[in-house]
Amino acid sequence: MASTTGTGAISATSLSCRFKLSSASLAGISSPNSVSFSIKGKSFPSIQLQSRLSRFQVKCAAKPETVDKVCAIVRKQLALPAESTVNGESKFATLGADSLDTVEIVMGLEEAFGISVEEESAQKITTVQEAADMIEDLISGKA
């Protein structure tokens, strides 16, 4: 699999940033899959692009410590053994969570992180990574 890179700049009245776009080529089709950029000297290296219906969505991955804390809460709420694998890609349903378990997980996350999750947002969470990303979005919104 070949990888290509390109650079560009985005400017707006309140935002100016430079970015580097990486793309992977598979069978001659090139699709961007990650982007890194910096704003006023601060780097944001963990941005991923996801293609959905010919559109790209920029998504910032949560900090590893947030993901680890969410994993611990999920493991505790589902009474999973310590040796069970729970990571960012883990789906609640695959771990054995039903809808009531998912509600209890969200309540545990609210308590642990001091946040409040709207019901609509809570219903969209299916993986540990989605939960961690949502938590960081809510925490950054508080600041």
N, C-alpha and C. Protein backbone atom coordinates (compact mmCIF):
# COMPACT_ATOMS: atom_id res chain seq x y z
N MET A 1 0.85 -1.17 0.00
CA MET A 1 0.00 0.00 0.00
C MET A 1 0.89 1.23 0.00
N ALA A 2 0.68 2.12 -0.94
CA ALA A 2 1.48 3.32 -1.06
C ALA A 2 0.85 4.43 -0.23
N SER A 3 1.67 5.37 0.17
CA SER A 3 1.16 6.49 0.94
C SER A 3 1.66 7.78 0.31
N THR A 4 0.81 8.77 0.20
CA THR A 4 1.19 10.05 -0.38
C THR A 4 0.84 11.15 0.60
N THR A 5 1.53 12.25 0.47
CA THR A 5 1.23 13.38 1.34
C THR A 5 1.13 14.65 0.52
N GLY A 6 0.43 15.60 1.03
CA GLY A 6 0.32 16.91 0.41
C GLY A 6 0.13 17.94 1.49
N THR A 7 0.31 19.19 1.17
CA THR A 7 0.13 20.23 2.17
C THR A 7 -0.79 21.30 1.64
N GLY A 8 -1.32 22.07 2.54
CA GLY A 8 -2.20 23.16 2.15
C GLY A 8 -2.43 24.06 3.34
N ALA A 9 -3.24 25.06 3.15
CA ALA A 9 -3.53 25.98 4.24
C ALA A 9 -5.00 26.33 4.24
N ILE A 10 -5.53 26.54 5.43
CA ILE A 10 -6.91 26.98 5.60
C ILE A 10 -6.86 28.31 6.33
N SER A 11 -7.60 29.28 5.87
CA SER A 11 -7.65 30.57 6.56
C SER A 11 -9.10 31.02 6.69
N ALA A 12 -9.42 31.56 7.82
CA ALA A 12 -10.73 32.15 8.07
C ALA A 12 -10.50 33.37 8.93
N THR A 13 -11.52 34.13 9.17
CA THR A 13 -11.33 35.34 9.95
C THR A 13 -10.82 35.05 11.35
N SER A 14 -11.27 33.94 11.96
CA SER A 14 -10.84 33.65 13.33
C SER A 14 -9.94 32.43 13.42
N LEU A 15 -9.64 31.79 12.30
CA LEU A 15 -8.86 30.56 12.33
C LEU A 15 -7.88 30.57 11.19
N SER A 16 -6.67 30.28 11.49
CA SER A 16 -5.66 30.11 10.46
C SER A 16 -4.84 28.90 10.84
N CYS A 17 -4.77 27.93 9.95
CA CYS A 17 -3.98 26.74 10.28
C CYS A 17 -3.36 26.16 9.02
N ARG A 18 -2.30 25.41 9.21
CA ARG A 18 -1.65 24.69 8.12
C ARG A 18 -1.88 23.22 8.39
N PHE A 19 -2.05 22.47 7.33
CA PHE A 19 -2.29 21.06 7.53
C PHE A 19 -1.49 20.22 6.56
N LYS A 20 -1.29 18.98 6.92
CA LYS A 20 -0.61 18.01 6.09
C LYS A 20 -1.57 16.84 5.92
N LEU A 21 -1.88 16.53 4.69
CA LEU A 21 -2.85 15.49 4.39
C LEU A 21 -2.13 14.23 3.95
N SER A 22 -2.45 13.12 4.58
CA SER A 22 -1.89 11.83 4.19
C SER A 22 -2.99 11.02 3.55
N SER A 23 -2.64 10.27 2.54
CA SER A 23 -3.64 9.40 1.93
C SER A 23 -3.01 8.07 1.59
N ALA A 24 -3.82 7.04 1.66
CA ALA A 24 -3.38 5.70 1.31
C ALA A 24 -4.00 5.35 -0.02
N SER A 25 -3.24 4.70 -0.86
CA SER A 25 -3.73 4.33 -2.17
C SER A 25 -3.94 2.82 -2.22
N LEU A 26 -5.12 2.41 -2.61
CA LEU A 26 -5.46 1.00 -2.69
C LEU A 26 -6.07 0.75 -4.05
N ALA A 27 -5.45 -0.11 -4.84
CA ALA A 27 -5.94 -0.45 -6.18
C ALA A 27 -6.17 0.80 -7.03
N GLY A 28 -5.28 1.77 -6.91
CA GLY A 28 -5.36 2.97 -7.73
C GLY A 28 -6.36 4.01 -7.25
N ILE A 29 -7.06 3.74 -6.18
CA ILE A 29 -8.02 4.70 -5.64
C ILE A 29 -7.40 5.35 -4.42
N SER A 30 -7.34 6.64 -4.43
CA SER A 30 -6.72 7.36 -3.32
C SER A 30 -7.80 7.96 -2.44
N SER A 31 -7.68 7.72 -1.14
CA SER A 31 -8.64 8.31 -0.21
C SER A 31 -7.91 8.83 1.02
N PRO A 32 -8.09 10.09 1.37
CA PRO A 32 -7.44 10.62 2.57
C PRO A 32 -7.94 9.90 3.81
N ASN A 33 -7.01 9.60 4.72
CA ASN A 33 -7.42 8.90 5.93
C ASN A 33 -6.94 9.57 7.21
N SER A 34 -6.06 10.54 7.11
CA SER A 34 -5.65 11.26 8.31
C SER A 34 -5.14 12.64 7.94
N VAL A 35 -5.19 13.53 8.90
CA VAL A 35 -4.69 14.87 8.67
C VAL A 35 -4.07 15.36 9.98
N SER A 36 -2.95 16.05 9.88
CA SER A 36 -2.36 16.65 11.06
C SER A 36 -2.19 18.14 10.76
N PHE A 37 -2.41 18.97 11.76
CA PHE A 37 -2.26 20.39 11.55
C PHE A 37 -1.88 21.07 12.85
N SER A 38 -1.48 22.32 12.73
CA SER A 38 -1.16 23.10 13.93
C SER A 38 -1.81 24.47 13.82
N ILE A 39 -2.22 24.96 14.97
CA ILE A 39 -2.82 26.29 15.06
C ILE A 39 -1.99 27.07 16.06
N LYS A 40 -1.42 28.16 15.60
CA LYS A 40 -0.58 29.01 16.44
C LYS A 40 0.46 28.19 17.20
N GLY A 41 1.11 27.28 16.50
CA GLY A 41 2.19 26.49 17.08
C GLY A 41 1.76 25.26 17.85
N LYS A 42 0.47 25.07 18.09
CA LYS A 42 -0.01 23.90 18.82
C LYS A 42 -0.40 22.82 17.82
N SER A 43 0.20 21.64 17.93
CA SER A 43 -0.05 20.56 16.99
C SER A 43 -1.23 19.70 17.42
N PHE A 44 -1.95 19.20 16.45
CA PHE A 44 -3.07 18.29 16.66
C PHE A 44 -2.85 17.07 15.77
N PRO A 45 -2.02 16.11 16.21
CA PRO A 45 -1.64 15.01 15.33
C PRO A 45 -2.64 13.87 15.22
N SER A 46 -3.63 13.79 16.08
CA SER A 46 -4.48 12.60 16.10
C SER A 46 -5.84 12.80 15.44
N ILE A 47 -5.84 13.52 14.35
CA ILE A 47 -7.09 13.76 13.63
C ILE A 47 -7.23 12.70 12.54
N GLN A 48 -8.39 12.09 12.47
CA GLN A 48 -8.65 11.07 11.46
C GLN A 48 -9.82 11.51 10.59
N LEU A 49 -9.77 11.11 9.34
CA LEU A 49 -10.86 11.40 8.42
C LEU A 49 -11.62 10.12 8.15
N GLN A 50 -12.93 10.21 8.14
CA GLN A 50 -13.75 9.05 7.82
C GLN A 50 -14.62 9.41 6.64
N SER A 51 -14.61 8.56 5.64
CA SER A 51 -15.42 8.80 4.46
C SER A 51 -16.82 8.24 4.67
N ARG A 52 -17.82 9.08 4.46
CA ARG A 52 -19.22 8.67 4.56
C ARG A 52 -19.97 9.34 3.44
N LEU A 53 -20.47 8.56 2.53
CA LEU A 53 -21.25 9.08 1.42
C LEU A 53 -20.51 10.20 0.70
N SER A 54 -19.26 9.96 0.37
CA SER A 54 -18.41 10.91 -0.35
C SER A 54 -18.14 12.20 0.41
N ARG A 55 -18.32 12.19 1.71
CA ARG A 55 -18.00 13.34 2.55
C ARG A 55 -16.93 12.91 3.54
N PHE A 56 -16.19 13.87 4.03
CA PHE A 56 -15.17 13.57 5.02
C PHE A 56 -15.55 14.22 6.33
N GLN A 57 -15.32 13.47 7.39
CA GLN A 57 -15.61 13.96 8.73
C GLN A 57 -14.28 14.00 9.48
N VAL A 58 -13.96 15.14 10.05
CA VAL A 58 -12.75 15.27 10.84
C VAL A 58 -13.10 14.90 12.27
N LYS A 59 -12.32 14.01 12.84
CA LYS A 59 -12.61 13.51 14.17
C LYS A 59 -11.33 13.52 15.00
N CYS A 60 -11.36 14.14 16.16
CA CYS A 60 -10.21 14.17 17.05
C CYS A 60 -10.32 13.01 18.03
N ALA A 61 -9.28 12.22 18.11
CA ALA A 61 -9.29 11.08 19.02
C ALA A 61 -9.06 11.57 20.45
N ALA A 62 -9.74 10.92 21.38
CA ALA A 62 -9.60 11.27 22.80
C ALA A 62 -8.21 10.91 23.31
N LYS A 63 -7.82 11.55 24.39
CA LYS A 63 -6.52 11.27 25.02
C LYS A 63 -6.50 9.82 25.50
N PRO A 64 -5.34 9.17 25.44
CA PRO A 64 -5.24 7.78 25.90
C PRO A 64 -5.70 7.59 27.34
N GLU A 65 -5.42 8.56 28.21
CA GLU A 65 -5.83 8.41 29.61
C GLU A 65 -7.35 8.45 29.75
N THR A 66 -8.02 9.20 28.89
CA THR A 66 -9.49 9.23 28.92
C THR A 66 -10.03 7.88 28.47
N VAL A 67 -9.46 7.34 27.39
CA VAL A 67 -9.89 6.03 26.89
C VAL A 67 -9.66 4.96 27.97
N ASP A 68 -8.51 5.01 28.64
CA ASP A 68 -8.20 4.03 29.69
C ASP A 68 -9.21 4.12 30.83
N LYS A 69 -9.57 5.33 31.23
CA LYS A 69 -10.53 5.51 32.32
C LYS A 69 -11.91 4.99 31.91
N VAL A 70 -12.31 5.25 30.65
CA VAL A 70 -13.59 4.74 30.15
C VAL A 70 -13.56 3.22 30.13
N CYS A 71 -12.44 2.63 29.69
CA CYS A 71 -12.30 1.16 29.67
C CYS A 71 -12.50 0.59 31.07
N ALA A 72 -11.89 1.22 32.07
CA ALA A 72 -12.01 0.74 33.45
C ALA A 72 -13.46 0.82 33.93
N ILE A 73 -14.14 1.90 33.59
CA ILE A 73 -15.55 2.06 34.00
C ILE A 73 -16.42 1.02 33.32
N VAL A 74 -16.20 0.80 32.03
CA VAL A 74 -16.97 -0.21 31.28
C VAL A 74 -16.72 -1.59 31.87
N ARG A 75 -15.45 -1.90 32.14
CA ARG A 75 -15.10 -3.21 32.72
C ARG A 75 -15.81 -3.40 34.06
N LYS A 76 -15.83 -2.35 34.89
CA LYS A 76 -16.47 -2.43 36.21
C LYS A 76 -17.99 -2.58 36.08
N GLN A 77 -18.62 -1.75 35.24
CA GLN A 77 -20.08 -1.79 35.08
C GLN A 77 -20.57 -3.13 34.53
N LEU A 78 -19.77 -3.74 33.65
CA LEU A 78 -20.17 -5.02 33.05
C LEU A 78 -19.61 -6.22 33.82
N ALA A 79 -18.91 -5.94 34.93
CA ALA A 79 -18.31 -7.00 35.76
C ALA A 79 -17.46 -7.95 34.92
N LEU A 80 -16.63 -7.35 34.05
CA LEU A 80 -15.75 -8.16 33.20
C LEU A 80 -14.49 -8.54 33.96
N PRO A 81 -13.95 -9.72 33.71
CA PRO A 81 -12.71 -10.10 34.38
C PRO A 81 -11.55 -9.19 33.97
N ALA A 82 -10.57 -9.04 34.84
CA ALA A 82 -9.44 -8.16 34.60
C ALA A 82 -8.67 -8.53 33.33
N GLU A 83 -8.65 -9.81 32.99
CA GLU A 83 -7.90 -10.24 31.81
C GLU A 83 -8.66 -10.04 30.49
N SER A 84 -9.92 -9.63 30.57
CA SER A 84 -10.69 -9.39 29.33
C SER A 84 -10.15 -8.14 28.63
N THR A 85 -10.19 -8.18 27.30
CA THR A 85 -9.68 -7.08 26.51
C THR A 85 -10.77 -6.04 26.28
N VAL A 86 -10.51 -4.84 26.77
CA VAL A 86 -11.40 -3.71 26.53
C VAL A 86 -10.51 -2.57 26.06
N ASN A 87 -10.77 -2.08 24.83
CA ASN A 87 -9.98 -0.98 24.28
C ASN A 87 -10.91 -0.02 23.55
N GLY A 88 -10.35 0.97 22.90
CA GLY A 88 -11.15 1.98 22.22
C GLY A 88 -12.09 1.43 21.17
N GLU A 89 -11.69 0.36 20.51
CA GLU A 89 -12.52 -0.22 19.45
C GLU A 89 -13.60 -1.15 19.99
N SER A 90 -13.56 -1.46 21.27
CA SER A 90 -14.53 -2.38 21.86
C SER A 90 -15.95 -1.83 21.76
N LYS A 91 -16.85 -2.65 21.23
CA LYS A 91 -18.26 -2.27 21.14
C LYS A 91 -18.97 -2.78 22.38
N PHE A 92 -19.85 -1.95 22.93
CA PHE A 92 -20.57 -2.34 24.14
C PHE A 92 -21.35 -3.63 23.92
N ALA A 93 -22.01 -3.77 22.79
CA ALA A 93 -22.80 -4.98 22.50
C ALA A 93 -21.91 -6.22 22.46
N THR A 94 -20.73 -6.10 21.87
CA THR A 94 -19.79 -7.22 21.80
C THR A 94 -19.31 -7.63 23.18
N LEU A 95 -19.23 -6.65 24.09
CA LEU A 95 -18.80 -6.94 25.46
C LEU A 95 -19.94 -7.52 26.30
N GLY A 96 -21.13 -7.61 25.71
CA GLY A 96 -22.27 -8.21 26.40
C GLY A 96 -23.22 -7.22 27.03
N ALA A 97 -23.08 -5.93 26.70
CA ALA A 97 -23.95 -4.91 27.29
C ALA A 97 -25.30 -4.86 26.58
N ASP A 98 -26.36 -4.82 27.37
CA ASP A 98 -27.69 -4.58 26.81
C ASP A 98 -28.01 -3.10 27.01
N SER A 99 -29.22 -2.68 26.68
CA SER A 99 -29.56 -1.26 26.77
C SER A 99 -29.49 -0.73 28.20
N LEU A 100 -29.88 -1.55 29.18
CA LEU A 100 -29.80 -1.13 30.57
C LEU A 100 -28.34 -0.97 31.00
N ASP A 101 -27.49 -1.92 30.58
CA ASP A 101 -26.05 -1.81 30.89
C ASP A 101 -25.47 -0.52 30.30
N THR A 102 -25.88 -0.19 29.09
CA THR A 102 -25.36 1.02 28.44
C THR A 102 -25.78 2.26 29.22
N VAL A 103 -27.01 2.29 29.71
CA VAL A 103 -27.47 3.41 30.53
C VAL A 103 -26.62 3.51 31.80
N GLU A 104 -26.34 2.37 32.43
CA GLU A 104 -25.52 2.36 33.65
C GLU A 104 -24.09 2.79 33.35
N ILE A 105 -23.56 2.40 32.19
CA ILE A 105 -22.21 2.84 31.80
C ILE A 105 -22.19 4.36 31.67
N VAL A 106 -23.18 4.92 30.97
CA VAL A 106 -23.24 6.37 30.79
C VAL A 106 -23.36 7.08 32.14
N MET A 107 -24.17 6.54 33.05
CA MET A 107 -24.30 7.13 34.38
C MET A 107 -22.96 7.08 35.12
N GLY A 108 -22.23 5.98 34.99
CA GLY A 108 -20.91 5.87 35.61
C GLY A 108 -19.93 6.87 35.03
N LEU A 109 -20.00 7.09 33.72
CA LEU A 109 -19.13 8.07 33.06
C LEU A 109 -19.47 9.48 33.52
N GLU A 110 -20.77 9.78 33.64
CA GLU A 110 -21.19 11.10 34.10
C GLU A 110 -20.64 11.38 35.50
N GLU A 111 -20.75 10.39 36.37
CA GLU A 111 -20.27 10.55 37.74
C GLU A 111 -18.75 10.69 37.79
N ALA A 112 -18.04 9.84 37.06
CA ALA A 112 -16.58 9.83 37.10
C ALA A 112 -15.97 11.10 36.50
N PHE A 113 -16.59 11.64 35.45
CA PHE A 113 -16.01 12.80 34.77
C PHE A 113 -16.71 14.12 35.12
N GLY A 114 -17.76 14.06 35.94
CA GLY A 114 -18.46 15.28 36.33
C GLY A 114 -19.14 15.97 35.15
N ILE A 115 -19.75 15.17 34.29
CA ILE A 115 -20.42 15.69 33.10
C ILE A 115 -21.89 15.28 33.10
N SER A 116 -22.64 15.84 32.19
CA SER A 116 -24.03 15.45 31.99
C SER A 116 -24.20 15.13 30.51
N VAL A 117 -24.67 13.92 30.22
CA VAL A 117 -24.82 13.47 28.83
C VAL A 117 -26.30 13.50 28.47
N GLU A 118 -26.62 14.17 27.38
CA GLU A 118 -28.00 14.22 26.92
C GLU A 118 -28.40 12.83 26.42
N GLU A 119 -29.67 12.50 26.58
CA GLU A 119 -30.17 11.17 26.20
C GLU A 119 -29.91 10.87 24.73
N GLU A 120 -30.10 11.86 23.88
CA GLU A 120 -29.88 11.66 22.44
C GLU A 120 -28.42 11.29 22.15
N SER A 121 -27.49 11.96 22.81
CA SER A 121 -26.07 11.66 22.63
C SER A 121 -25.74 10.29 23.19
N ALA A 122 -26.31 9.96 24.33
CA ALA A 122 -26.04 8.67 24.98
C ALA A 122 -26.48 7.51 24.09
N GLN A 123 -27.57 7.67 23.37
CA GLN A 123 -28.08 6.61 22.52
C GLN A 123 -27.19 6.35 21.30
N LYS A 124 -26.36 7.32 20.94
CA LYS A 124 -25.48 7.19 19.77
C LYS A 124 -24.17 6.48 20.10
N ILE A 125 -23.86 6.33 21.38
CA ILE A 125 -22.58 5.74 21.79
C ILE A 125 -22.65 4.23 21.65
N THR A 126 -21.73 3.67 20.86
CA THR A 126 -21.69 2.22 20.69
C THR A 126 -20.33 1.62 21.03
N THR A 127 -19.29 2.46 21.10
CA THR A 127 -17.95 1.96 21.40
C THR A 127 -17.30 2.76 22.52
N VAL A 128 -16.25 2.21 23.09
CA VAL A 128 -15.48 2.89 24.13
C VAL A 128 -14.90 4.19 23.57
N GLN A 129 -14.37 4.15 22.34
CA GLN A 129 -13.77 5.34 21.73
C GLN A 129 -14.80 6.45 21.55
N GLU A 130 -16.00 6.10 21.10
CA GLU A 130 -17.06 7.10 20.95
C GLU A 130 -17.40 7.74 22.29
N ALA A 131 -17.43 6.94 23.34
CA ALA A 131 -17.70 7.47 24.68
C ALA A 131 -16.60 8.42 25.12
N ALA A 132 -15.34 8.03 24.91
CA ALA A 132 -14.21 8.87 25.31
C ALA A 132 -14.19 10.17 24.51
N ASP A 133 -14.46 10.09 23.21
CA ASP A 133 -14.49 11.30 22.38
C ASP A 133 -15.60 12.25 22.84
N MET A 134 -16.77 11.70 23.15
CA MET A 134 -17.89 12.50 23.62
C MET A 134 -17.54 13.19 24.95
N ILE A 135 -16.90 12.45 25.84
CA ILE A 135 -16.51 13.00 27.14
C ILE A 135 -15.58 14.19 26.95
N GLU A 136 -14.57 14.04 26.11
CA GLU A 136 -13.63 15.14 25.89
C GLU A 136 -14.32 16.34 25.23
N ASP A 137 -15.27 16.08 24.33
CA ASP A 137 -16.04 17.18 23.73
C ASP A 137 -16.82 17.92 24.81
N LEU A 138 -17.46 17.18 25.71
CA LEU A 138 -18.24 17.80 26.78
C LEU A 138 -17.35 18.56 27.76
N ILE A 139 -16.20 17.99 28.10
CA ILE A 139 -15.28 18.65 29.02
C ILE A 139 -14.72 19.93 28.40
N SER A 140 -14.34 19.87 27.12
CA SER A 140 -13.79 21.06 26.47
C SER A 140 -14.86 22.14 26.31
N GLY A 141 -16.12 21.73 26.22
CA GLY A 141 -17.23 22.68 26.14
C GLY A 141 -17.46 23.42 27.44
N LYS A 142 -17.06 22.80 28.56
CA LYS A 142 -17.21 23.42 29.88
C LYS A 142 -16.23 24.57 30.07
N ALA A 143 -15.03 24.43 29.46
CA ALA A 143 -13.95 25.40 29.68
C ALA A 143 -14.27 26.77 29.16
